[in-house]
């Protein structure tokens, strides 16, 4: 439907009719943007649409279901983004007869947050797919929230042995970051909304210069597990905590007021996501392992759009189609700041609140005082 535009230029006023949209035509294919409300991601949308029109067969991404694993529909924002470029399918590994997962059917498989150990048959299907050269994105939590109390329960995915062979281990307990974390609302007290830091929702930093994370800022996690990485070729940390990372033992309380104080002796940097690239001789597929599946839920994606960009980049890298990674990563937010101590945090806070105005006051006093002394010297020169 056309929209009226008011144009004012060269002392003329005109009313024109046009469309807030864009259409791309290629052969018999058409891609349309009915309404363009932002331009920061327009380059990616254009290149993605051109890629869709010029690709004869869309690659397929399979989400493993069963054993409590989450399907693509559990992550609405991710599903919407994937369906623009991929054919999203479901692989049920808990049915009576589990057929092999073929490379000709799926370009990437995703295992997202199983709450029960995969059966021997299901494990064998995932293992055989990767060993045949198929890539996989594994979002694994070693903890589940206890529905009866604000604590966690340890869980196993059944893929621990397979990952250990590739140099990655998923540690028990929850990751805490006392310096870089999200805030959580404690509710209203009177007319004020009380907000406090929540170390169990860490904000992670890039672990290196990997193509997946090269231009990204931070990753916001929720109740994540730490990864132990062996010093093996091809294993690279993607996201790490600050130096104030710590692991809460399984069964610990989740309430913010029950977390206590950090144990200075145990603070360290923890890996929360890693990429595994096998050598060509082995013929094995690539892996991306993240110690969390909650970070793709709406509350985390809305607060940190980088979460969605990271997973989209990871799937492109796994499928060895990296053309759009650099363009997609341009749409990012500035990285969060991590403080090594409360003193550093307070120094920056009060430095901005009081320090900057104080500098202006001191510079004004110095200027006025200098003007008076310069005037006195000038009169003395005239008198002499």
Protein backbone atom coordinates (compact mmCIF):
# COMPACT_ATOMS: atom_id res chain seq x y z
CA UNK A 1 0.00 0.00 0.00
CA UNK A 2 1.56 3.36 -0.99
CA UNK A 3 2.46 5.93 1.66
CA UNK A 4 2.45 9.69 1.31
CA UNK A 5 5.74 11.56 1.80
CA UNK A 6 6.12 15.26 2.47
CA UNK A 7 9.12 16.64 0.56
CA UNK A 8 10.45 20.12 1.30
CA UNK A 9 13.34 21.41 -0.81
CA UNK A 10 14.31 24.56 -2.75
CA UNK A 11 11.39 26.50 -1.23
CA UNK A 12 8.98 23.89 -2.63
CA UNK A 13 6.57 21.65 -0.78
CA UNK A 14 5.49 18.40 -2.46
CA UNK A 15 3.38 15.44 -1.47
CA UNK A 16 4.60 12.22 -3.07
CA UNK A 17 3.38 8.68 -2.89
CA UNK A 18 5.71 5.70 -2.52
CA UNK A 19 6.41 2.43 -0.72
CA UNK A 20 8.48 1.62 2.34
CA UNK A 21 9.92 -1.53 0.86
CA UNK A 22 12.33 -3.23 -1.50
CA UNK A 23 12.04 -6.02 -4.05
CA UNK A 24 14.82 -8.22 -5.45
CA UNK A 25 14.24 -10.11 -8.70
CA UNK A 26 16.35 -12.94 -10.09
CA UNK A 27 15.06 -15.25 -12.83
CA UNK A 28 11.76 -16.56 -11.46
CA UNK A 29 12.67 -15.82 -7.86
CA UNK A 30 11.46 -12.78 -5.89
CA UNK A 31 12.48 -11.56 -2.45
CA UNK A 32 10.57 -8.63 -0.93
CA UNK A 33 11.03 -6.40 2.10
CA UNK A 34 7.55 -4.96 2.71
CA UNK A 35 8.80 -2.43 5.23
CA UNK A 36 12.35 -1.29 6.04
CA UNK A 37 12.41 0.11 9.56
CA UNK A 38 16.16 -0.15 10.16
CA UNK A 39 19.31 -0.04 8.08
CA UNK A 40 21.98 -1.48 10.38
CA UNK A 41 21.20 -5.04 9.22
CA UNK A 42 20.12 -4.15 5.66
CA UNK A 43 23.40 -5.31 4.11
CA UNK A 44 23.06 -8.76 5.65
CA UNK A 45 19.42 -9.07 4.65
CA UNK A 46 20.23 -8.15 1.06
CA UNK A 47 23.15 -10.58 0.78
CA UNK A 48 21.14 -13.33 2.50
CA UNK A 49 18.23 -12.83 0.10
CA UNK A 50 20.54 -12.94 -2.91
CA UNK A 51 22.07 -16.15 -1.56
CA UNK A 52 18.62 -17.70 -1.13
CA UNK A 53 17.59 -16.82 -4.69
CA UNK A 54 20.78 -18.15 -6.27
CA UNK A 55 20.91 -21.41 -4.26
CA UNK A 56 19.15 -24.31 -5.92
CA UNK A 57 18.91 -26.53 -2.82
CA UNK A 58 18.63 -25.17 0.70
CA UNK A 59 20.86 -26.84 3.34
CA UNK A 60 19.11 -28.73 6.14
CA UNK A 61 19.57 -28.32 9.89
CA UNK A 62 18.30 -31.18 12.04
CA UNK A 63 17.33 -30.68 15.70
CA UNK A 64 17.66 -33.86 17.73
CA UNK A 65 14.60 -34.49 19.92
CA UNK A 66 13.85 -37.03 22.60
CA UNK A 67 15.48 -37.50 26.02
CA UNK A 68 14.35 -33.98 26.96
CA UNK A 69 16.26 -32.28 24.11
CA UNK A 70 14.67 -29.09 22.82
CA UNK A 71 13.34 -28.74 19.29
CA UNK A 72 13.77 -25.65 17.13
CA UNK A 73 10.31 -24.45 18.18
CA UNK A 74 11.64 -23.96 21.73
CA UNK A 75 13.78 -21.09 20.41
CA UNK A 76 11.40 -18.86 18.47
CA UNK A 77 13.93 -16.21 17.44
CA UNK A 78 16.50 -18.77 16.29
CA UNK A 79 13.91 -20.76 14.35
CA UNK A 80 12.74 -17.64 12.54
CA UNK A 81 16.29 -16.74 11.54
CA UNK A 82 17.18 -20.26 10.42
CA UNK A 83 14.09 -20.75 8.26
CA UNK A 84 15.19 -17.82 6.10
CA UNK A 85 18.20 -19.79 4.83
CA UNK A 86 17.85 -23.40 5.98
CA UNK A 87 15.33 -26.19 5.94
CA UNK A 88 14.76 -26.93 9.64
CA UNK A 89 13.91 -30.56 10.44
CA UNK A 90 13.44 -32.75 13.51
CA UNK A 91 15.37 -35.95 14.26
CA UNK A 92 13.59 -38.08 16.85
CA UNK A 93 16.19 -40.40 18.39
CA UNK A 94 13.85 -41.78 21.06
CA UNK A 95 11.50 -43.68 18.77
CA UNK A 96 11.40 -47.48 18.58
CA UNK A 97 13.35 -47.65 15.34
CA UNK A 98 16.10 -45.03 14.91
CA UNK A 99 17.42 -44.84 11.35
CA UNK A 100 20.99 -43.59 10.74
CA UNK A 101 21.48 -39.84 10.48
CA UNK A 102 22.80 -39.44 6.94
CA UNK A 103 25.11 -36.76 5.59
CA UNK A 104 22.91 -36.53 2.51
CA UNK A 105 19.92 -35.56 4.69
CA UNK A 106 21.39 -33.07 7.16
CA UNK A 107 24.14 -30.49 6.73
CA UNK A 108 24.26 -29.73 10.48
CA UNK A 109 22.66 -31.39 13.50
CA UNK A 110 21.84 -29.62 16.77
CA UNK A 111 21.55 -31.29 20.20
CA UNK A 112 20.04 -28.71 22.57
CA UNK A 113 19.82 -29.35 26.30
CA UNK A 114 18.89 -33.04 26.78
CA UNK A 115 17.77 -33.68 30.36
CA UNK A 116 18.19 -37.47 30.18
CA UNK A 117 21.11 -39.59 28.98
CA UNK A 118 20.80 -40.54 25.33
CA UNK A 119 20.35 -44.27 24.74
CA UNK A 120 23.19 -46.32 23.32
CA UNK A 121 21.50 -46.28 19.92
CA UNK A 122 21.00 -42.50 19.97
CA UNK A 123 24.62 -41.96 21.02
CA UNK A 124 25.77 -44.24 18.22
CA UNK A 125 23.72 -42.26 15.66
CA UNK A 126 25.29 -38.95 16.75
CA UNK A 127 28.77 -40.45 16.90
CA UNK A 128 28.55 -42.10 13.48
CA UNK A 129 27.27 -38.88 11.91
CA UNK A 130 30.19 -36.84 13.24
CA UNK A 131 32.78 -39.53 12.51
CA UNK A 132 31.54 -39.64 8.92
CA UNK A 133 32.28 -35.90 8.58
CA UNK A 134 29.01 -34.37 9.73
CA UNK A 135 29.16 -31.18 11.87
CA UNK A 136 27.23 -30.79 15.12
CA UNK A 137 26.23 -27.99 17.49
CA UNK A 138 25.97 -29.32 21.05
CA UNK A 139 24.25 -27.15 23.68
CA UNK A 140 24.75 -29.18 26.86
CA UNK A 141 23.80 -28.39 30.45
CA UNK A 142 25.06 -30.60 33.27
CA UNK A 143 22.49 -29.09 35.63
CA UNK A 144 18.72 -28.79 35.74
CA UNK A 145 16.70 -26.51 38.00
CA UNK A 146 14.91 -28.44 40.72
CA UNK A 147 11.16 -27.70 40.41
CA UNK A 148 10.69 -28.31 44.15
CA UNK A 149 13.30 -25.86 45.46
CA UNK A 150 15.62 -23.08 44.18
CA UNK A 151 18.51 -25.50 43.66
CA UNK A 152 19.99 -27.49 40.78
CA UNK A 153 20.15 -31.19 40.05
CA UNK A 154 23.07 -32.81 38.15
CA UNK A 155 22.14 -34.41 34.82
CA UNK A 156 24.03 -36.26 32.11
CA UNK A 157 23.60 -36.16 28.33
CA UNK A 158 25.35 -39.44 27.57
CA UNK A 159 27.75 -37.66 25.19
CA UNK A 160 30.45 -37.05 27.80
CA UNK A 161 32.64 -39.93 26.61
CA UNK A 162 32.35 -38.90 22.98
CA UNK A 163 33.31 -35.29 23.82
CA UNK A 164 36.23 -36.41 26.02
CA UNK A 165 37.68 -38.18 22.97
CA UNK A 166 37.56 -34.85 21.13
CA UNK A 167 39.26 -32.97 23.99
CA UNK A 168 36.20 -31.35 25.62
CA UNK A 169 34.71 -32.07 29.03
CA UNK A 170 31.55 -30.63 30.59
CA UNK A 171 32.16 -29.88 34.27
CA UNK A 172 29.56 -30.41 37.02
CA UNK A 173 28.20 -27.36 38.81
CA UNK A 174 27.28 -23.88 37.59
CA UNK A 175 29.52 -21.12 36.26
CA UNK A 176 29.66 -17.95 38.34
CA UNK A 177 31.32 -14.69 37.34
CA UNK A 178 31.63 -12.14 40.11
CA UNK A 179 32.90 -9.35 37.84
CA UNK A 180 30.97 -9.73 34.56
CA UNK A 181 27.33 -10.73 34.95
CA UNK A 182 23.76 -9.68 34.24
CA UNK A 183 21.46 -7.91 36.67
CA UNK A 184 18.31 -9.48 38.03
CA UNK A 185 15.23 -7.70 39.37
CA UNK A 186 14.40 -8.39 43.00
CA UNK A 187 10.95 -6.83 42.74
CA UNK A 188 9.61 -3.54 44.01
CA UNK A 189 10.18 -2.20 47.48
CA UNK A 190 7.97 0.83 47.91
CA UNK A 191 8.39 3.02 44.86
CA UNK A 192 11.78 1.54 43.91
CA UNK A 193 12.58 -1.46 41.72
CA UNK A 194 15.51 -3.29 43.34
CA UNK A 195 18.13 -4.64 40.90
CA UNK A 196 21.26 -6.53 41.87
CA UNK A 197 24.07 -8.40 40.06
CA UNK A 198 23.51 -12.12 39.53
CA UNK A 199 26.80 -14.04 39.15
CA UNK A 200 24.98 -17.17 37.91
CA UNK A 201 24.12 -15.26 34.72
CA UNK A 202 27.64 -14.57 33.45
CA UNK A 203 28.47 -12.27 30.55
CA UNK A 204 31.27 -14.02 28.66
CA UNK A 205 34.10 -12.58 26.57
CA UNK A 206 35.68 -13.79 23.35
CA UNK A 207 38.24 -16.52 23.98
CA UNK A 208 40.22 -15.88 20.81
CA UNK A 209 40.08 -14.69 17.24
CA UNK A 210 37.95 -17.51 15.88
CA UNK A 211 35.86 -16.73 12.75
CA UNK A 212 32.63 -17.40 14.67
CA UNK A 213 33.27 -14.75 17.32
CA UNK A 214 35.81 -12.43 15.67
CA UNK A 215 33.66 -9.27 15.56
CA UNK A 216 31.24 -10.05 18.39
CA UNK A 217 31.08 -8.42 21.80
CA UNK A 218 29.72 -10.55 24.64
CA UNK A 219 27.62 -13.65 25.21
CA UNK A 220 24.97 -13.59 27.92
CA UNK A 221 24.46 -16.97 29.62
CA UNK A 222 22.06 -18.35 32.20
CA UNK A 223 22.97 -21.19 34.61
CA UNK A 224 25.76 -22.48 32.38
CA UNK A 225 28.26 -25.30 32.80
CA UNK A 226 32.01 -24.86 32.44
CA UNK A 227 34.04 -26.71 29.81
CA UNK A 228 37.43 -28.28 30.44
CA UNK A 229 39.55 -28.17 27.30
CA UNK A 230 42.61 -30.30 26.69
CA UNK A 231 45.70 -28.90 25.03
CA UNK A 232 44.86 -30.61 21.76
CA UNK A 233 45.25 -29.25 18.24
CA UNK A 234 41.95 -28.07 16.84
CA UNK A 235 40.29 -27.31 20.22
CA UNK A 236 39.75 -23.55 20.68
CA UNK A 237 37.83 -21.67 23.39
CA UNK A 238 35.14 -19.44 21.91
CA UNK A 239 33.78 -17.76 25.05
CA UNK A 240 35.37 -17.41 28.49
CA UNK A 241 34.52 -15.73 31.78
CA UNK A 242 36.52 -12.92 33.30
CA UNK A 243 39.29 -13.73 35.77
CA UNK A 244 36.65 -13.73 38.53
CA UNK A 245 35.02 -16.97 37.40
CA UNK A 246 34.09 -19.67 39.88
CA UNK A 247 32.12 -22.95 39.87
CA UNK A 248 29.20 -23.44 42.23
CA UNK A 249 28.96 -27.04 43.35
CA UNK A 250 25.89 -29.06 42.20
CA UNK A 251 22.90 -28.61 44.45
CA UNK A 252 23.74 -25.04 45.40
CA UNK A 253 21.08 -22.41 45.99
CA UNK A 254 20.12 -20.16 43.07
CA UNK A 255 18.72 -17.24 45.05
CA UNK A 256 20.83 -14.09 44.60
CA UNK A 257 20.92 -13.35 48.33
CA UNK A 258 22.12 -16.92 49.07
CA UNK A 259 25.23 -16.81 46.87
CA UNK A 260 27.43 -15.33 49.58
CA UNK A 261 30.82 -13.84 48.80
CA UNK A 262 33.43 -14.98 46.25
CA UNK A 263 36.26 -17.27 47.32
CA UNK A 264 39.26 -15.22 46.21
CA UNK A 265 41.54 -18.28 46.18
CA UNK A 266 39.40 -20.18 43.66
CA UNK A 267 38.69 -17.37 41.18
CA UNK A 268 39.87 -18.19 37.67
CA UNK A 269 38.98 -17.92 33.98
CA UNK A 270 36.53 -20.58 32.78
CA UNK A 271 35.64 -21.64 29.25
CA UNK A 272 31.92 -21.86 28.47
CA UNK A 273 32.01 -22.57 24.71
CA UNK A 274 34.53 -24.19 22.37
CA UNK A 275 35.04 -25.13 18.73
CA UNK A 276 36.64 -28.41 17.64
CA UNK A 277 38.18 -28.70 14.19
CA UNK A 278 39.42 -32.16 13.21
CA UNK A 279 42.35 -32.66 10.88
CA UNK A 280 41.52 -33.65 7.32
CA UNK A 281 43.09 -37.08 7.73
CA UNK A 282 40.57 -38.11 10.39
CA UNK A 283 37.59 -37.17 8.24
CA UNK A 284 35.57 -36.20 11.32
CA UNK A 285 33.12 -33.31 11.34
CA UNK A 286 33.42 -30.01 13.14
CA UNK A 287 31.93 -29.44 16.59
CA UNK A 288 30.77 -26.39 18.52
CA UNK A 289 30.08 -27.12 22.19
CA UNK A 290 28.33 -24.66 24.54
CA UNK A 291 27.77 -25.38 28.22
CA UNK A 292 24.31 -23.83 28.14
CA UNK A 293 21.03 -24.06 26.23
CA UNK A 294 19.09 -21.39 28.14
CA UNK A 295 20.95 -18.53 26.43
CA UNK A 296 18.77 -18.95 23.33
CA UNK A 297 15.52 -18.36 25.21
CA UNK A 298 13.69 -15.11 24.55
CA UNK A 299 14.67 -13.37 27.81
CA UNK A 300 18.38 -13.78 27.03
CA UNK A 301 18.14 -13.11 23.27
CA UNK A 302 16.15 -9.91 23.86
CA UNK A 303 18.74 -8.69 26.35
CA UNK A 304 21.73 -9.76 24.23
CA UNK A 305 21.17 -10.06 20.45
CA UNK A 306 24.75 -11.33 20.18
CA UNK A 307 23.50 -14.71 21.44
CA UNK A 308 21.48 -15.20 18.27
CA UNK A 309 24.25 -13.92 16.00
CA UNK A 310 26.73 -16.29 17.63
CA UNK A 311 24.60 -19.38 17.00
CA UNK A 312 23.86 -18.32 13.41
CA UNK A 313 27.60 -17.83 12.85
CA UNK A 314 28.31 -21.21 14.45
CA UNK A 315 25.89 -23.01 12.14
CA UNK A 316 27.38 -21.29 9.09
CA UNK A 317 30.89 -22.25 10.23
CA UNK A 318 29.83 -25.83 10.87
CA UNK A 319 28.29 -26.01 7.40
CA UNK A 320 31.52 -24.47 6.02
CA UNK A 321 29.58 -21.57 4.53
CA UNK A 322 31.33 -18.57 6.09
CA UNK A 323 30.42 -15.94 3.50
CA UNK A 324 27.77 -14.27 5.67
CA UNK A 325 29.57 -14.44 9.02
CA UNK A 326 31.53 -11.21 8.59
CA UNK A 327 28.47 -9.29 7.38
CA UNK A 328 26.16 -10.61 10.10
CA UNK A 329 28.65 -9.79 12.85
CA UNK A 330 28.58 -6.08 11.94
CA UNK A 331 25.23 -5.85 13.73
CA UNK A 332 26.51 -5.91 17.28
CA UNK A 333 26.39 -4.04 20.56
CA UNK A 334 29.46 -2.66 22.36
CA UNK A 335 31.10 -5.22 24.69
CA UNK A 336 30.33 -5.09 28.39
CA UNK A 337 32.91 -3.87 30.87
CA UNK A 338 34.34 -6.26 33.44
CA UNK A 339 35.74 -4.98 36.74
CA UNK A 340 38.42 -6.80 38.68
CA UNK A 341 37.30 -5.34 42.02
CA UNK A 342 34.56 -3.32 43.69
CA UNK A 343 37.05 -0.47 44.10
CA UNK A 344 37.55 -0.29 40.34
CA UNK A 345 33.79 -0.28 39.77
CA UNK A 346 33.26 2.48 42.37
CA UNK A 347 36.17 4.50 40.99
CA UNK A 348 34.66 4.53 37.50
CA UNK A 349 31.18 5.27 38.83
CA UNK A 350 32.12 8.21 41.05
CA UNK A 351 34.75 9.39 38.60
CA UNK A 352 32.00 9.92 36.03
CA UNK A 353 29.49 11.37 38.51
CA UNK A 354 31.78 13.69 40.45
CA UNK A 355 35.18 13.59 38.78
CA UNK A 356 34.19 15.08 35.42
CA UNK A 357 32.24 18.05 36.91
CA UNK A 358 35.09 18.59 39.37
CA UNK A 359 37.57 18.81 36.47
CA UNK A 360 35.44 21.53 34.86
CA UNK A 361 35.30 23.45 38.17
CA UNK A 362 39.08 23.18 38.69
CA UNK A 363 39.81 24.22 35.11
CA UNK A 364 37.49 27.24 35.56
CA UNK A 365 39.22 28.25 38.81
CA UNK A 366 42.63 27.88 37.16
CA UNK A 367 41.52 29.99 34.21
CA UNK A 368 40.08 32.78 36.39
CA UNK A 369 43.10 32.78 38.69
CA UNK A 370 45.48 32.84 35.74
CA UNK A 371 43.57 35.71 34.13
CA UNK A 372 43.92 37.80 37.31
CA UNK A 373 47.66 37.12 37.62
CA UNK A 374 48.21 37.91 33.95
CA UNK A 375 46.32 41.21 34.34
CA UNK A 376 48.43 42.19 37.36
CA UNK A 377 51.64 41.47 35.46
CA UNK A 378 50.38 43.55 32.53
CA UNK A 379 49.62 46.59 34.78
CA UNK A 380 53.02 46.29 36.41
CA UNK A 381 54.65 46.41 32.98
CA UNK A 382 52.63 49.55 32.06
CA UNK A 383 53.53 51.22 35.38
CA UNK A 384 57.20 50.56 34.91
